[in-house]
Amino acid sequence: GRKLENVEVIVEDEPSEKVLRELGVGRGSLLGLYHGVPLKRKSIWAAPTLPGRISIYRIPILALSATREEIRRRIRAVVIHEIGHHFGLSDRDMASLESELPGGEKVSPPTRRRGRER
């Protein structure tokens, strides 16, 4: 928690077209995004940077979730996943850590199932 004092979490309806283009992903497939310099890449000698920011995208999460419980689980997974990026973990790092979580909990957010529309 102390390491997150300089990170804000915001909820947006959807990622911008610019973000989708930069990441090469389609509309509805991005559930969250970490914006910032990961802690393990920051240097005490570097110029100060803006605080990190975690964006949670409401519409794609709602489109994938059938119940309130699914929404809650998905948001939790997305936030944990993006916090992992804040600490410098890659998607591959987080996937390998999932096997160590109790009860097989997932931190890699599930993505849109093929053929499912909003």
Protein backbone atom coordinates (compact mmCIF):
# COMPACT_ATOMS: atom_id res chain seq x y z
CA GLY A 1 0.00 0.00 0.00
CA ARG A 2 2.78 2.45 0.81
CA LYS A 3 4.31 1.96 -2.64
CA LEU A 4 1.01 3.00 -4.22
CA GLU A 5 0.89 6.44 -2.62
CA ASN A 6 1.80 8.07 -5.93
CA VAL A 7 -0.67 6.16 -8.11
CA GLU A 8 -4.23 7.20 -8.83
CA VAL A 9 -6.96 4.82 -9.94
CA ILE A 10 -9.59 6.30 -12.23
CA VAL A 11 -12.65 4.87 -13.94
CA GLU A 12 -13.27 5.83 -17.55
CA ASP A 13 -16.04 4.69 -19.87
CA GLU A 14 -13.67 3.35 -22.54
CA PRO A 15 -10.09 3.82 -23.71
CA SER A 16 -9.56 6.53 -26.29
CA GLU A 17 -9.14 5.69 -29.96
CA LYS A 18 -5.53 6.89 -29.63
CA VAL A 19 -4.81 4.38 -26.83
CA LEU A 20 -6.42 1.55 -28.81
CA ARG A 21 -4.35 2.43 -31.90
CA GLU A 22 -1.10 2.70 -29.90
CA LEU A 23 -1.66 -0.71 -28.30
CA GLY A 24 -3.01 -2.31 -31.47
CA VAL A 25 -6.14 -3.63 -29.78
CA GLY A 26 -9.80 -3.46 -30.73
CA ARG A 27 -12.64 -1.70 -29.00
CA GLY A 28 -13.98 -3.70 -26.05
CA SER A 29 -10.83 -5.76 -25.51
CA LEU A 30 -8.95 -3.44 -23.10
CA LEU A 31 -10.25 -3.55 -19.52
CA GLY A 32 -7.55 -1.48 -17.82
CA LEU A 33 -4.22 0.23 -18.40
CA TYR A 34 -1.26 1.41 -16.31
CA HIS A 35 0.08 4.79 -17.41
CA GLY A 36 3.47 5.66 -15.98
CA VAL A 37 7.01 4.54 -15.36
CA PRO A 38 7.21 1.20 -13.50
CA LEU A 39 8.93 1.44 -10.11
CA LYS A 40 11.73 -0.90 -11.10
CA ARG A 41 12.65 1.45 -13.99
CA LYS A 42 12.66 4.66 -11.93
CA SER A 43 15.99 6.12 -10.91
CA ILE A 44 16.78 8.48 -8.06
CA TRP A 45 18.88 10.41 -10.58
CA ALA A 46 16.11 10.87 -13.13
CA ALA A 47 13.96 13.97 -13.37
CA PRO A 48 10.70 13.74 -11.43
CA THR A 49 7.88 12.06 -13.32
CA LEU A 50 4.13 12.44 -13.15
CA PRO A 51 2.31 10.12 -10.76
CA GLY A 52 1.32 6.74 -12.15
CA ARG A 53 -2.29 6.23 -13.13
CA ILE A 54 -4.40 3.12 -13.47
CA SER A 55 -7.38 3.46 -15.79
CA ILE A 56 -10.26 1.02 -15.37
CA TYR A 57 -12.56 0.88 -18.40
CA ARG A 58 -16.19 0.55 -17.28
CA ILE A 59 -18.02 -0.32 -20.51
CA PRO A 60 -15.79 -3.26 -21.58
CA ILE A 61 -15.94 -4.69 -18.04
CA LEU A 62 -19.73 -4.43 -17.94
CA ALA A 63 -20.00 -5.97 -21.43
CA LEU A 64 -18.09 -9.05 -20.28
CA SER A 65 -19.88 -9.49 -16.95
CA ALA A 66 -23.26 -11.10 -16.41
CA THR A 67 -23.59 -10.52 -12.65
CA ARG A 68 -22.52 -8.03 -9.99
CA GLU A 69 -20.17 -10.66 -8.60
CA GLU A 70 -18.50 -11.08 -12.01
CA ILE A 71 -18.11 -7.30 -12.24
CA ARG A 72 -16.50 -7.20 -8.79
CA ARG A 73 -14.11 -10.07 -9.57
CA ARG A 74 -13.17 -8.63 -12.94
CA ILE A 75 -12.47 -5.15 -11.52
CA ARG A 76 -10.35 -6.68 -8.77
CA ALA A 77 -8.38 -8.72 -11.30
CA VAL A 78 -7.83 -5.69 -13.55
CA VAL A 79 -6.66 -3.47 -10.66
CA ILE A 80 -4.27 -6.16 -9.36
CA HIS A 81 -2.96 -6.72 -12.89
CA GLU A 82 -2.29 -3.01 -13.45
CA ILE A 83 -0.64 -2.69 -10.01
CA GLY A 84 1.66 -5.47 -11.19
CA HIS A 85 2.65 -3.29 -14.15
CA HIS A 86 3.29 -0.40 -11.72
CA PHE A 87 5.82 -2.64 -9.95
CA GLY A 88 7.42 -3.56 -13.26
CA LEU A 89 5.93 -7.01 -13.81
CA SER A 90 5.18 -8.10 -17.38
CA ASP A 91 2.05 -9.98 -18.44
CA ARG A 92 4.18 -13.14 -18.56
CA ASP A 93 5.46 -12.53 -14.99
CA MET A 94 1.91 -12.17 -13.70
CA ALA A 95 0.68 -15.28 -15.53
CA SER A 96 3.41 -17.34 -13.89
CA LEU A 97 2.55 -15.93 -10.44
CA GLU A 98 -1.11 -16.91 -10.78
CA SER A 99 -0.25 -20.54 -10.09
CA GLU A 100 0.97 -19.48 -6.64
CA LEU A 101 -2.22 -17.66 -5.62
CA PRO A 102 -4.61 -19.39 -3.21
CA GLY A 103 -7.63 -21.00 -4.84
CA GLY A 104 -6.30 -20.45 -8.35
CA GLU A 105 -7.23 -16.76 -8.27
CA LYS A 106 -6.48 -14.94 -11.52
CA VAL A 107 -4.78 -11.56 -11.82
CA SER A 108 -4.66 -11.55 -15.61
CA PRO A 109 -7.93 -9.94 -16.58
CA PRO A 110 -10.14 -12.08 -18.79
CA THR A 111 -10.69 -10.60 -22.22
CA ARG A 112 -13.69 -10.45 -24.50
CA ARG A 113 -14.82 -13.89 -25.60
CA ARG A 114 -14.86 -14.34 -29.33
CA GLY A 115 -18.26 -13.65 -30.83
CA ARG A 116 -19.64 -11.85 -27.79
CA GLU A 117 -20.99 -8.39 -28.62
CA ARG A 118 -21.92 -5.50 -26.41
